[in-house]
Amino acid sequence: MRIRVVVLITTAASLFYHHESHRPDSLSKKSINTQKRCEDLQGVSASMERYDTDTFEASDEELKEKSDIGDDKLLCGYGSCTPAWLQRFHNAKCLLLMLGICAFIQSFVVNAIFPVGLSTLERRFKMTSTHTGIISSWYDFAVLLVVFPCCHWGNSGHKGRWIGWGGIIMALGSLICVIPHWIISPYQPEHSEMNTTDFGQCTLRDLEIKTCEKQPISSYLNPYFLLFLLGQTLHGVGSTPLFSIGTTYIDENVSQKASPVYLAVHAVLTSFGPVIGVFAGGALLNIYDDFDRVDHPPIARNDPRWIGAWWIGFLIASISALIIAFPILGFARELPEARHHRAKDVNQVHAANAADANEKAPKDAKKLPAVVMKILRNPTFIVCIIIGIFESIIINGFAAFMPKILETLLSTTPIFASYLSSVVIFAAAAGVMIGGMVIRKLRLQVGGMLKMIICCHVVALLFTTGLLLHCPQRSFVGINTDYNDLAIHVSDHDIKAECNEQCNCKEEFNPVCEADTGRMYFSPCFAGCTQKHDSHGKNIWSDCSCLKENFTNHPEVQHSESLQQGYCNIDCGYNTYILMVTLFITVVASFASGIPTQQIMLRVVPFDQRTLALGINWTFLRLLGFIPGGILFGMMIDIACMDWEQSCGRQQTCRVYDPLKLSWTITAVAIVCKLLSILTTILGYMTYRPTDLDMGMSVQSQDSHGALHLVVNDDRPPEEFGPKNKVVS
């Protein structure tokens, strides 16, 4: 069909030349120029006809000769077992579904179940936040260790088997994370009698104070700690083929036109994992940890010592990953349609690497450094890496701490903050789908996709300023206000006062609220409360000496006679809605730029080196983006802390944050990263040079009436080839 288009163009050019040749001599000079342009155009048409005939009209026999994979290896099955009924599932849609489910399981356990249960693991296995921080980061380090070998040998191997065995390894990792629950003795909290009278109130009796003992070095050899490390290691090793080889496995088995949509659907399925995982993890923590070993829980669910069934999520993930791995193992090295799609692919390799367009990835490890250096000399590829680094700093920082950030900025509960975080995840999924559909609808080439990335980052930058909106700071007596209701500097805070000096209070954070004034106290004991009673399921504290003192010092202010358990409600006005809307738009715009960035990376490197290129990209992103991003955001959140929990003179966890300082610090970092992403993309657009006609890109012949675009290797049918469907370069 493309030959017909070329013939029509050639015929039109000949008629135009014939008409010009019969014009008066006064226009002979213009006729000569026109003739020359038409001859050039006819030459281009002939070249395209030869190129089209050789490339696009190749028969099945010619395609088989060019492929090193025989028909017997294109069947779905296991070994010699390749039944005919199984072949109906051997297509790109089923492959996408299987890989999408596998990615869903991975994100479910790594990005949701594990983070949701971190605080529970600390209390259950007597681990510090340092221990759980090491466990959480170990996943990224495990990926770094195996991503290059996986991409190098996996690219030339059977991608389906690599991903399938990776799923089995991931299932084993989740199972190992369950083992600590099976080998530890049943949970027995201290003073777990239901009729205990020690609720942290003010008392005149002496309380036992534990002596400070230095943490032994052998705590890092704790068997539970080592088991979680091993589990996270297997999670990282098992998921690496899925997100490196899996991307190219999908891309090489579909057309370039369909690839953005397929990869967008894959990303959406991946993003659903954390959404479902957050809700599932919260629900599982409402189940008692040892329900399988005790008849009934020894403590109530609202007791702060409650331990939920954190391990069920890992068990579900282990079984699910094992089940989904076997269908993936049955797919062939390539799908039956892959040859035809590959023959029609548009070569968009950067002009500097055009000579290497057909170069294959080396199977000899000694040649690997030379190929890596060739890829790293591709300027557009480097631009994509730099953009990804800046974006991954923001994404990983927010992904790790989004519930805590929203909880602090909006002065809300952890449960509600987790629900709001799920809304942000839906925004990410919407952004990925929008990015894929825009590329497909506008048929963007590399240049057009770079423009799209710039637009997305500009929109995200403008709406990032919405993070400056937050709820008012809570008034914490002894932390940011003194007991006389006067503001104090954070460094001068002291929760002890004359009204509670006889109470023998322990520094156990158990906040209570004076509803009429919105003042918060560190605990009922530090408020001087001696009585507790229940009112409609809520703990109410009365006979508080610090409240009585306020009646005397500030008679003009209406004070409460009692305190209620928990935080005071804060009136945020419209700030909550505005912040969530701006955050939603920011996330949509940011993730909409992810698909074009990924597509550019797949297009500007030689076909057989794409898996290696993705491995290089993931190495830089993990090393310079994901790992530093989480650490950087953690440091910024620590800077906003106003009161630390101390243990043996060392800071452990923050109890009260300053939302104003937190909003300014995270907004500043986000704006800087977005600006750097925009500048880098502009530089990439200015330096990108597409290949010429011989390399399969587009050719234009300029005349007095404008540009005539002849697109080579276009997947569109002839009836769609027109001015309304012009490819955006």
Foldseek 3Di string as FASTA:
>chain_A
DLLVVLVVVLVVLVVVLVVLVPDDPVCVVVSVVSVVLSVVSNVVSVVQNVVCCVQQVDDPVVLQVVDPDDPVLQAFDDVPPGDPVVRVCQALVNLLVLLLLLLLLLCQVLLFLLLLCLVLCCLVVVHFVVLSVCLNLLLLVLLLVCLQVCLQVCLPDQLLLLLLVLLLLLLVLLVLLLVVLVPDDDDDDPPLAAPDPPPQAFDLDADDDDDFDDDDPCVCVPVNSVSSSSSSSSSNSSCSSSVQVVLLQSVLQDALLCSLQSVLVSVLSNLVSNLVSNVVSVVQQQAACVVVPDVDDSHDSPDPSGRGNSSVSSNVSSVSSNVSSVSSNRGGSYHPCSSSNVSLHFFWAFAVCLVCQAPARDNDPVCNVVVVVSLVVRLLLVLLLLLLQLLLLLVLQCSSCQLVLCCFQAVDDSSVSSVLVSLLSVLLSLLSNLLSVVCSQQVADLLRLLVLLLVLLVLLLVLLLLLLQGFDFQAEDQAQAHLQRHGDDLVPGGLADPQQPSRNGDQDAWWWAFAQVRYIYRHNNSQQFDDWDDDPNWIKTAPGSSQVVNCVSPVVGDTDRIITTDHHDTDRDCSVVSSSVSSSSSSSSSSSSVSSSLSSLCNNHHNNCSSSSSSVSSSSNSVSHNVVSNVVSVVQQVVQASDFDDRPRDGGDGDGGDSNSSSVVSSVSSSVSSVVSSVSSVVSSVPGDTDDVVSRAWDWSQDPVGIDIDHGSDPDDPVPPDPVNDHHD
